[in-house]
Amino acid sequence: MAHKTQSNYGVTAHDYAKHRAGFPASFFAHLEERGLFAAPRRVLDLGTGTGTLARNFAKRGHDVTGLDISPDMMAEARVLGEGQGVKVNYVEGRSEKIPFPDASFDIVMAGQCFHWFLRDETSAEIARVLKPEGLLVVAYFDWLDAPGNPVDIMYGLREKHNPGWKWDFPLGFYPQKPGDLTFDGFTSQDSFFYEENVPYTHADWRGRIRAYAGVGGALSKDKLEAFDTEFAAALAENFKDDVMQIPHTVWAEVWQKG
């Protein structure tokens, strides 16, 4: 991924792989209802990270390649894929210079990552590697902040331990819903947007936040340990049940080339 901030996902790769919930089953059901993956397709998953989207598409019978700039993240993706018996081709590279020939893919997927890319360069590369009338899918799966909820408590401590962080939601360069993005040479075909609660234990929520760019991707080891200790105490004080429900939004928009 082409980062616009000083964050390092390589150092958070293990927590990212172990604790970060991927897109829920309902997301893939929405795509399948729209017929996007009715037949086997060749899919490129940009900013694949630990491969959560790539594996899910591969499980559905598609020929999937995951692209990312972080070898550490893709190493975790390979381990997860081997454990699940899922084959994905992972390639190190940037979205602004995709290392594949013209018209290589039926679908390009960008899940939870497009805001990190240099938009003009990336959209031109997507158009190049897509087949005629190929599809671009941009999707997001984000937590929702509300007073007193586990996200709110995290933000309060993040402000204390990393006050210089300027990239919390909503972000000026970050698409908040379908319709916020346009691409030259592409026509919007479909979209969906909804909310869903995701269960997290205290330990998994702490691990998820260690994988968050504003915490684990930005703090030194000592500062991260101090944050995590205080975060654990705050969760124990405010949420007596070990399993918490974290509200999220889920959305996607589909564009067709040409």
C-alpha atoms as a PDB file:
ATOM      1  CA  MET A   1       0.000   0.000   0.000  1.00  0.00           C
ATOM      2  CA  ALA A   2       1.193   3.498  -0.716  1.00  0.00           C
ATOM      3  CA  HIS A   3       0.955   5.162   2.670  1.00  0.00           C
ATOM      4  CA  LYS A   4       0.264   8.840   3.122  1.00  0.00           C
ATOM      5  CA  THR A   5       1.134   8.732   6.835  1.00  0.00           C
ATOM      6  CA  GLN A   6       4.036   7.592   8.966  1.00  0.00           C
ATOM      7  CA  SER A   7       2.721   4.191  10.022  1.00  0.00           C
ATOM      8  CA  ASN A   8       4.396   0.795   9.842  1.00  0.00           C
ATOM      9  CA  TYR A   9       2.116  -2.167   9.310  1.00  0.00           C
ATOM     10  CA  GLY A  10       5.067  -4.559   9.164  1.00  0.00           C
ATOM     11  CA  VAL A  11       5.610  -4.341  12.925  1.00  0.00           C
ATOM     12  CA  THR A  12       1.922  -5.037  13.569  1.00  0.00           C
ATOM     13  CA  ALA A  13       1.593  -7.910  11.088  1.00  0.00           C
ATOM     14  CA  HIS A  14       1.138 -10.666  13.696  1.00  0.00           C
ATOM     15  CA  ASP A  15      -1.547  -8.794  15.648  1.00  0.00           C
ATOM     16  CA  TYR A  16      -3.174  -7.796  12.366  1.00  0.00           C
ATOM     17  CA  ALA A  17      -3.383 -11.426  11.273  1.00  0.00           C
ATOM     18  CA  LYS A  18      -4.482 -12.829  14.628  1.00  0.00           C
ATOM     19  CA  HIS A  19      -6.927 -10.224  15.921  1.00  0.00           C
ATOM     20  CA  ARG A  20      -8.283  -8.087  13.106  1.00  0.00           C
ATOM     21  CA  ALA A  21     -11.696  -9.321  11.975  1.00  0.00           C
ATOM     22  CA  GLY A  22     -12.007  -9.416   8.219  1.00  0.00           C
ATOM     23  CA  PHE A  23     -15.075  -8.482   6.248  1.00  0.00           C
ATOM     24  CA  PRO A  24     -18.095 -10.399   7.604  1.00  0.00           C
ATOM     25  CA  ALA A  25     -19.887 -13.210   5.767  1.00  0.00           C
ATOM     26  CA  SER A  26     -22.716 -10.803   4.962  1.00  0.00           C
ATOM     27  CA  PHE A  27     -20.334  -8.753   2.776  1.00  0.00           C
ATOM     28  CA  PHE A  28     -19.589 -11.704   0.499  1.00  0.00           C
ATOM     29  CA  ALA A  29     -23.279 -12.601   0.419  1.00  0.00           C
ATOM     30  CA  HIS A  30     -24.052  -9.079  -0.833  1.00  0.00           C
ATOM     31  CA  LEU A  31     -21.484  -9.443  -3.631  1.00  0.00           C
ATOM     32  CA  GLU A  32     -22.768 -12.872  -4.594  1.00  0.00           C
ATOM     33  CA  GLU A  33     -26.378 -11.633  -4.659  1.00  0.00           C
ATOM     34  CA  ARG A  34     -25.279  -9.091  -7.257  1.00  0.00           C
ATOM     35  CA  GLY A  35     -23.731 -11.789  -9.441  1.00  0.00           C
ATOM     36  CA  LEU A  36     -20.200 -10.378  -9.306  1.00  0.00           C
ATOM     37  CA  PHE A  37     -18.662 -13.763  -8.652  1.00  0.00           C
ATOM     38  CA  ALA A  38     -21.213 -16.012 -10.321  1.00  0.00           C
ATOM     39  CA  ALA A  39     -18.499 -17.547 -12.539  1.00  0.00           C
ATOM     40  CA  PRO A  40     -14.812 -18.087 -11.701  1.00  0.00           C
ATOM     41  CA  ARG A  41     -12.897 -14.833 -12.213  1.00  0.00           C
ATOM     42  CA  ARG A  42      -9.298 -13.710 -12.124  1.00  0.00           C
ATOM     43  CA  VAL A  43      -9.132 -11.326  -9.164  1.00  0.00           C
ATOM     44  CA  LEU A  44      -6.422  -8.889  -8.030  1.00  0.00           C
ATOM     45  CA  ASP A  45      -6.695  -7.897  -4.365  1.00  0.00           C
ATOM     46  CA  LEU A  46      -4.837  -4.590  -3.893  1.00  0.00           C
ATOM     47  CA  GLY A  47      -3.414  -3.801  -0.449  1.00  0.00           C
ATOM     48  CA  THR A  48      -4.098  -7.419   0.451  1.00  0.00           C
ATOM     49  CA  GLY A  49      -2.398  -7.221   3.868  1.00  0.00           C
ATOM     50  CA  THR A  50      -2.905 -10.557   5.620  1.00  0.00           C
ATOM     51  CA  GLY A  51      -5.101 -11.774   2.776  1.00  0.00           C
ATOM     52  CA  THR A  52      -8.537 -11.864   4.394  1.00  0.00           C
ATOM     53  CA  LEU A  53     -10.354 -10.834   1.213  1.00  0.00           C
ATOM     54  CA  ALA A  54      -8.045 -12.811  -1.062  1.00  0.00           C
ATOM     55  CA  ARG A  55      -8.633 -16.059   0.833  1.00  0.00           C
ATOM     56  CA  ASN A  56     -12.387 -15.604   0.860  1.00  0.00           C
ATOM     57  CA  PHE A  57     -12.474 -15.112  -2.907  1.00  0.00           C
ATOM     58  CA  ALA A  58     -10.147 -18.085  -3.434  1.00  0.00           C
ATOM     59  CA  LYS A  59     -12.425 -20.250  -1.281  1.00  0.00           C
ATOM     60  CA  ARG A  60     -15.212 -19.400  -3.716  1.00  0.00           C
ATOM     61  CA  GLY A  61     -13.261 -20.824  -6.633  1.00  0.00           C
ATOM     62  CA  HIS A  62     -11.571 -17.736  -8.056  1.00  0.00           C
ATOM     63  CA  ASP A  63      -7.980 -17.325  -9.271  1.00  0.00           C
ATOM     64  CA  VAL A  64      -6.706 -14.703  -6.810  1.00  0.00           C
ATOM     65  CA  THR A  65      -3.540 -12.629  -6.602  1.00  0.00           C
ATOM     66  CA  GLY A  66      -2.831 -10.460  -3.560  1.00  0.00           C
ATOM     67  CA  LEU A  67      -0.607  -7.377  -3.941  1.00  0.00           C
ATOM     68  CA  ASP A  68       0.968  -5.433  -1.071  1.00  0.00           C
ATOM     69  CA  ILE A  69       4.152  -3.526  -0.257  1.00  0.00           C
ATOM     70  CA  SER A  70       4.594  -5.331   3.098  1.00  0.00           C
ATOM     71  CA  PRO A  71       6.377  -8.701   2.924  1.00  0.00           C
ATOM     72  CA  ASP A  72       5.677  -9.206   6.642  1.00  0.00           C
ATOM     73  CA  MET A  73       1.937  -8.921   6.111  1.00  0.00           C
ATOM     74  CA  MET A  74       1.997 -11.312   3.170  1.00  0.00           C
ATOM     75  CA  ALA A  75       4.113 -13.790   5.146  1.00  0.00           C
ATOM     76  CA  GLU A  76       1.270 -13.900   7.677  1.00  0.00           C
ATOM     77  CA  ALA A  77      -1.199 -14.273   4.794  1.00  0.00           C
ATOM     78  CA  ARG A  78       0.675 -17.302   3.465  1.00  0.00           C
ATOM     79  CA  VAL A  79       0.673 -18.969   6.884  1.00  0.00           C
ATOM     80  CA  LEU A  80      -3.060 -18.384   7.272  1.00  0.00           C
ATOM     81  CA  GLY A  81      -3.715 -19.690   3.762  1.00  0.00           C
ATOM     82  CA  GLU A  82      -1.682 -22.836   4.328  1.00  0.00           C
ATOM     83  CA  GLY A  83      -3.586 -23.492   7.552  1.00  0.00           C
ATOM     84  CA  GLN A  84      -6.899 -23.191   5.713  1.00  0.00           C
ATOM     85  CA  GLY A  85      -5.805 -25.056   2.582  1.00  0.00           C
ATOM     86  CA  VAL A  86      -6.376 -21.973   0.414  1.00  0.00           C
ATOM     87  CA  LYS A  87      -4.131 -21.047  -2.505  1.00  0.00           C
ATOM     88  CA  VAL A  88      -3.471 -17.362  -3.262  1.00  0.00           C
ATOM     89  CA  ASN A  89      -0.571 -15.911  -5.254  1.00  0.00           C
ATOM     90  CA  TYR A  90       0.991 -13.109  -3.171  1.00  0.00           C
ATOM     91  CA  VAL A  91       3.182 -10.543  -4.918  1.00  0.00           C
ATOM     92  CA  GLU A  92       5.099  -7.627  -3.447  1.00  0.00           C
ATOM     93  CA  GLY A  93       4.389  -4.385  -5.256  1.00  0.00           C
ATOM     94  CA  ARG A  94       2.695  -1.013  -5.242  1.00  0.00           C
ATOM     95  CA  SER A  95      -0.775  -0.088  -6.399  1.00  0.00           C
ATOM     96  CA  GLU A  96       0.731   2.790  -8.401  1.00  0.00           C
ATOM     97  CA  LYS A  97       2.865   0.387 -10.452  1.00  0.00           C
ATOM     98  CA  ILE A  98       1.081  -2.931 -10.634  1.00  0.00           C
ATOM     99  CA  PRO A  99       3.550  -5.600 -11.861  1.00  0.00           C
ATOM    100  CA  PHE A 100       1.213  -7.342 -14.340  1.00  0.00           C
ATOM    101  CA  PRO A 101       0.519  -6.992 -18.060  1.00  0.00           C
ATOM    102  CA  ASP A 102      -2.412  -5.105 -19.554  1.00  0.00           C
ATOM    103  CA  ALA A 103      -5.848  -6.766 -19.361  1.00  0.00           C
ATOM    104  CA  SER A 104      -4.751  -9.383 -16.810  1.00  0.00           C
ATOM    105  CA  PHE A 105      -7.751  -9.379 -14.450  1.00  0.00           C
ATOM    106  CA  ASP A 106     -11.543  -9.571 -14.497  1.00  0.00           C
ATOM    107  CA  ILE A 107     -11.921  -7.857 -11.119  1.00  0.00           C
ATOM    108  CA  VAL A 108      -9.682  -5.574  -9.059  1.00  0.00           C
ATOM    109  CA  MET A 109     -10.593  -5.455  -5.375  1.00  0.00           C
ATOM    110  CA  ALA A 110      -9.477  -2.742  -2.939  1.00  0.00           C
ATOM    111  CA  GLY A 111     -10.721  -3.506   0.559  1.00  0.00           C
ATOM    112  CA  GLN A 112      -9.935  -1.188   3.463  1.00  0.00           C
ATOM    113  CA  CYS A 113      -7.030   0.402   1.657  1.00  0.00           C
ATOM    114  CA  PHE A 114      -7.833   2.798  -1.172  1.00  0.00           C
ATOM    115  CA  HIS A 115      -7.294   5.890   1.003  1.00  0.00           C
ATOM    116  CA  TRP A 116      -3.604   4.950   1.348  1.00  0.00           C
ATOM    117  CA  PHE A 117      -3.013   4.926  -2.402  1.00  0.00           C
ATOM    118  CA  LEU A 118      -2.016   7.747  -4.730  1.00  0.00           C
ATOM    119  CA  ARG A 119      -5.389   7.909  -6.406  1.00  0.00           C
ATOM    120  CA  ASP A 120      -4.664   9.089  -9.952  1.00  0.00           C
ATOM    121  CA  GLU A 121      -1.717   6.748 -10.465  1.00  0.00           C
ATOM    122  CA  THR A 122      -3.550   3.799  -8.924  1.00  0.00           C
ATOM    123  CA  SER A 123      -6.781   4.270 -10.879  1.00  0.00           C
ATOM    124  CA  ALA A 124      -4.779   4.481 -14.129  1.00  0.00           C
ATOM    125  CA  GLU A 125      -3.001   1.234 -13.271  1.00  0.00           C
ATOM    126  CA  ILE A 126      -6.285  -0.466 -12.376  1.00  0.00           C
ATOM    127  CA  ALA A 127      -7.732   0.545 -15.736  1.00  0.00           C
ATOM    128  CA  ARG A 128      -4.633  -0.823 -17.456  1.00  0.00           C
ATOM    129  CA  VAL A 129      -4.638  -4.280 -15.817  1.00  0.00           C
ATOM    130  CA  LEU A 130      -8.415  -4.790 -16.046  1.00  0.00           C
ATOM    131  CA  LYS A 131      -9.877  -6.584 -19.038  1.00  0.00           C
ATOM    132  CA  PRO A 132     -12.416  -4.681 -21.158  1.00  0.00           C
ATOM    133  CA  GLU A 133     -15.576  -4.133 -19.094  1.00  0.00           C
ATOM    134  CA  GLY A 134     -13.714  -5.419 -16.031  1.00  0.00           C
ATOM    135  CA  LEU A 135     -14.865  -4.436 -12.552  1.00  0.00           C
ATOM    136  CA  LEU A 136     -13.321  -2.387  -9.747  1.00  0.00           C
ATOM    137  CA  VAL A 137     -14.692  -2.987  -6.244  1.00  0.00           C
ATOM    138  CA  VAL A 138     -13.793  -0.594  -3.422  1.00  0.00           C
ATOM    139  CA  ALA A 139     -14.988  -1.657   0.027  1.00  0.00           C
ATOM    140  CA  TYR A 140     -14.651  -0.601   3.668  1.00  0.00           C
ATOM    141  CA  PHE A 141     -15.353  -2.213   7.027  1.00  0.00           C
ATOM    142  CA  ASP A 142     -14.948   0.293   9.874  1.00  0.00           C
ATOM    143  CA  TRP A 143     -15.695   0.542  13.565  1.00  0.00           C
ATOM    144  CA  LEU A 144     -18.205   3.128  14.796  1.00  0.00           C
ATOM    145  CA  ASP A 145     -17.438   5.483  17.655  1.00  0.00           C
ATOM    146  CA  ALA A 146     -20.182   6.213  20.223  1.00  0.00           C
ATOM    147  CA  PRO A 147     -19.915   7.732  23.726  1.00  0.00           C
ATOM    148  CA  GLY A 148     -18.656   5.138  26.185  1.00  0.00           C
ATOM    149  CA  ASN A 149     -18.324   2.270  23.717  1.00  0.00           C
ATOM    150  CA  PRO A 150     -15.047   0.307  23.301  1.00  0.00           C
ATOM    151  CA  VAL A 151     -14.051   2.474  20.320  1.00  0.00           C
ATOM    152  CA  ASP A 152     -14.583   5.665  22.313  1.00  0.00           C
ATOM    153  CA  ILE A 153     -12.449   4.368  25.180  1.00  0.00           C
ATOM    154  CA  MET A 154      -9.678   3.459  22.756  1.00  0.00           C
ATOM    155  CA  TYR A 155      -9.740   6.916  21.155  1.00  0.00           C
ATOM    156  CA  GLY A 156      -9.456   8.602  24.537  1.00  0.00           C
ATOM    157  CA  LEU A 157      -6.325   6.631  25.362  1.00  0.00           C
ATOM    158  CA  ARG A 158      -4.909   7.031  21.861  1.00  0.00           C
ATOM    159  CA  GLU A 159      -5.191  10.785  22.278  1.00  0.00           C
ATOM    160  CA  LYS A 160      -3.293  10.528  25.567  1.00  0.00           C
ATOM    161  CA  HIS A 161      -0.507   8.255  24.293  1.00  0.00           C
ATOM    162  CA  ASN A 162      -0.268   9.510  20.690  1.00  0.00           C
ATOM    163  CA  PRO A 163      -1.623  13.082  20.643  1.00  0.00           C
ATOM    164  CA  GLY A 164       0.071  13.911  17.357  1.00  0.00           C
ATOM    165  CA  TRP A 165      -2.007  11.420  15.374  1.00  0.00           C
ATOM    166  CA  LYS A 166      -4.169  13.294  12.846  1.00  0.00           C
ATOM    167  CA  TRP A 167      -5.827  10.498  10.919  1.00  0.00           C
ATOM    168  CA  ASP A 168      -8.886   9.426  12.906  1.00  0.00           C
ATOM    169  CA  PHE A 169     -12.238   8.978  11.180  1.00  0.00           C
ATOM    170  CA  PRO A 170     -13.783  10.786   9.440  1.00  0.00           C
ATOM    171  CA  LEU A 171     -10.765  11.471   7.290  1.00  0.00           C
ATOM    172  CA  GLY A 172     -10.730  14.125   4.619  1.00  0.00           C
ATOM    173  CA  PHE A 173      -9.093  11.770   2.110  1.00  0.00           C
ATOM    174  CA  TYR A 174     -11.106   8.781   3.260  1.00  0.00           C
ATOM    175  CA  PRO A 175     -14.371   7.805   1.488  1.00  0.00           C
ATOM    176  CA  GLN A 176     -17.144   7.608   4.067  1.00  0.00           C
ATOM    177  CA  LYS A 177     -19.824   5.927   1.943  1.00  0.00           C
ATOM    178  CA  PRO A 178     -20.675   4.865  -1.606  1.00  0.00           C
ATOM    179  CA  GLY A 179     -20.797   7.820  -3.953  1.00  0.00           C
ATOM    180  CA  ASP A 180     -17.795   9.587  -2.386  1.00  0.00           C
ATOM    181  CA  LEU A 181     -15.412   8.320  -5.076  1.00  0.00           C
ATOM    182  CA  THR A 182     -15.336   8.781  -8.828  1.00  0.00           C
ATOM    183  CA  PHE A 183     -12.852   7.381 -11.345  1.00  0.00           C
ATOM    184  CA  ASP A 184     -12.175   8.584 -14.881  1.00  0.00           C
ATOM    185  CA  GLY A 185     -13.027   5.879 -17.370  1.00  0.00           C
ATOM    186  CA  PHE A 186     -15.254   3.943 -14.927  1.00  0.00           C
ATOM    187  CA  THR A 187     -19.022   3.900 -14.465  1.00  0.00           C
ATOM    188  CA  SER A 188     -20.584   3.157 -11.074  1.00  0.00           C
ATOM    189  CA  GLN A 189     -22.710   0.006 -11.346  1.00  0.00           C
ATOM    190  CA  ASP A 190     -23.906  -0.814  -7.838  1.00  0.00           C
ATOM    191  CA  SER A 191     -23.317  -0.191  -4.116  1.00  0.00           C
ATOM    192  CA  PHE A 192     -24.445  -1.218  -0.650  1.00  0.00           C
ATOM    193  CA  PHE A 193     -24.057   0.208   2.848  1.00  0.00           C
ATOM    194  CA  TYR A 194     -25.159  -1.201   6.238  1.00  0.00           C
ATOM    195  CA  GLU A 195     -24.173  -1.628   9.902  1.00  0.00           C
ATOM    196  CA  GLU A 196     -23.210  -4.839  11.697  1.00  0.00           C
ATOM    197  CA  ASN A 197     -21.982  -5.653  15.205  1.00  0.00           C
ATOM    198  CA  VAL A 198     -18.768  -7.672  15.442  1.00  0.00           C
ATOM    199  CA  PRO A 199     -18.004  -9.645  18.632  1.00  0.00           C
ATOM    200  CA  TYR A 200     -14.562  -9.132  20.166  1.00  0.00           C
ATOM    201  CA  THR A 201     -13.161 -10.470  23.434  1.00  0.00           C
ATOM    202  CA  HIS A 202     -11.134  -8.028  25.530  1.00  0.00           C
ATOM    203  CA  ALA A 203      -7.909  -9.735  24.398  1.00  0.00           C
ATOM    204  CA  ASP A 204      -8.877  -9.660  20.730  1.00  0.00           C
ATOM    205  CA  TRP A 205      -9.964  -6.009  20.881  1.00  0.00           C
ATOM    206  CA  ARG A 206      -6.647  -5.078  22.448  1.00  0.00           C
ATOM    207  CA  GLY A 207      -4.872  -7.040  19.711  1.00  0.00           C
ATOM    208  CA  ARG A 208      -7.006  -5.353  17.067  1.00  0.00           C
ATOM    209  CA  ILE A 209      -5.986  -1.931  18.399  1.00  0.00           C
ATOM    210  CA  ARG A 210      -2.319  -2.924  18.484  1.00  0.00           C
ATOM    211  CA  ALA A 211      -2.792  -3.444  14.730  1.00  0.00           C
ATOM    212  CA  TYR A 212      -4.308   0.038  14.321  1.00  0.00           C
ATOM    213  CA  ALA A 213      -2.001   2.512  12.565  1.00  0.00           C
ATOM    214  CA  GLY A 214      -2.541   5.183  15.225  1.00  0.00           C
ATOM    215  CA  VAL A 215      -1.395   2.855  18.015  1.00  0.00           C
ATOM    216  CA  GLY A 216       0.702  -0.195  17.095  1.00  0.00           C
ATOM    217  CA  GLY A 217       1.785   1.289  13.770  1.00  0.00           C
ATOM    218  CA  ALA A 218       2.973   4.562  15.342  1.00  0.00           C
ATOM    219  CA  LEU A 219       4.075   4.027  18.952  1.00  0.00           C
ATOM    220  CA  SER A 220       7.428   2.741  20.165  1.00  0.00           C
ATOM    221  CA  LYS A 221       7.491  -0.629  21.923  1.00  0.00           C
ATOM    222  CA  ASP A 222       7.591   0.950  25.399  1.00  0.00           C
ATOM    223  CA  LYS A 223       4.795   3.386  24.626  1.00  0.00           C
ATOM    224  CA  LEU A 224       2.691   0.632  23.099  1.00  0.00           C
ATOM    225  CA  GLU A 225       3.092  -1.497  26.214  1.00  0.00           C
ATOM    226  CA  ALA A 226       2.014   1.444  28.393  1.00  0.00           C
ATOM    227  CA  PHE A 227      -1.015   2.048  26.174  1.00  0.00           C
ATOM    228  CA  ASP A 228      -2.005  -1.619  26.179  1.00  0.00           C
ATOM    229  CA  THR A 229      -1.738  -1.922  29.984  1.00  0.00           C
ATOM    230  CA  GLU A 230      -3.974   1.096  30.497  1.00  0.00           C
ATOM    231  CA  PHE A 231      -6.361  -0.044  27.775  1.00  0.00           C
ATOM    232  CA  ALA A 232      -6.759  -3.476  29.377  1.00  0.00           C
ATOM    233  CA  ALA A 233      -7.627  -1.875  32.730  1.00  0.00           C
ATOM    234  CA  ALA A 234     -10.149   0.496  31.121  1.00  0.00           C
ATOM    235  CA  LEU A 235     -11.901  -2.344  29.312  1.00  0.00           C
ATOM    236  CA  ALA A 236     -12.056  -4.449  32.485  1.00  0.00           C
ATOM    237  CA  GLU A 237     -13.545  -1.526  34.396  1.00  0.00           C
ATOM    238  CA  ASN A 238     -16.151  -0.556  31.809  1.00  0.00           C
ATOM    239  CA  PHE A 239     -17.130  -3.885  30.224  1.00  0.00           C
ATOM    240  CA  LYS A 240     -17.706  -6.758  32.626  1.00  0.00           C
ATOM    241  CA  ASP A 241     -18.561  -9.296  29.912  1.00  0.00           C
ATOM    242  CA  ASP A 242     -15.510 -10.612  28.114  1.00  0.00           C
ATOM    243  CA  VAL A 243     -17.250 -10.548  24.730  1.00  0.00           C
ATOM    244  CA  MET A 244     -18.130  -7.048  23.524  1.00  0.00           C
ATOM    245  CA  GLN A 245     -20.155  -6.049  20.476  1.00  0.00           C
ATOM    246  CA  ILE A 246     -18.248  -3.529  18.334  1.00  0.00           C
ATOM    247  CA  PRO A 247     -20.483  -1.675  15.833  1.00  0.00           C
ATOM    248  CA  HIS A 248     -19.142  -1.414  12.298  1.00  0.00           C
ATOM    249  CA  THR A 249     -20.220  -0.071   8.935  1.00  0.00           C
ATOM    250  CA  VAL A 250     -19.848  -2.244   5.855  1.00  0.00           C
ATOM    251  CA  TRP A 251     -19.964  -0.803   2.362  1.00  0.00           C
ATOM    252  CA  ALA A 252     -18.852  -1.333  -1.172  1.00  0.00           C
ATOM    253  CA  GLU A 253     -19.198   0.297  -4.561  1.00  0.00           C
ATOM    254  CA  VAL A 254     -18.695  -1.404  -7.908  1.00  0.00           C
ATOM    255  CA  TRP A 255     -17.446   0.341 -11.049  1.00  0.00           C
ATOM    256  CA  GLN A 256     -17.180  -1.012 -14.580  1.00  0.00           C
ATOM    257  CA  LYS A 257     -14.328  -0.103 -16.883  1.00  0.00           C
ATOM    258  CA  GLY A 258     -15.314   1.705 -20.072  1.00  0.00           C
END
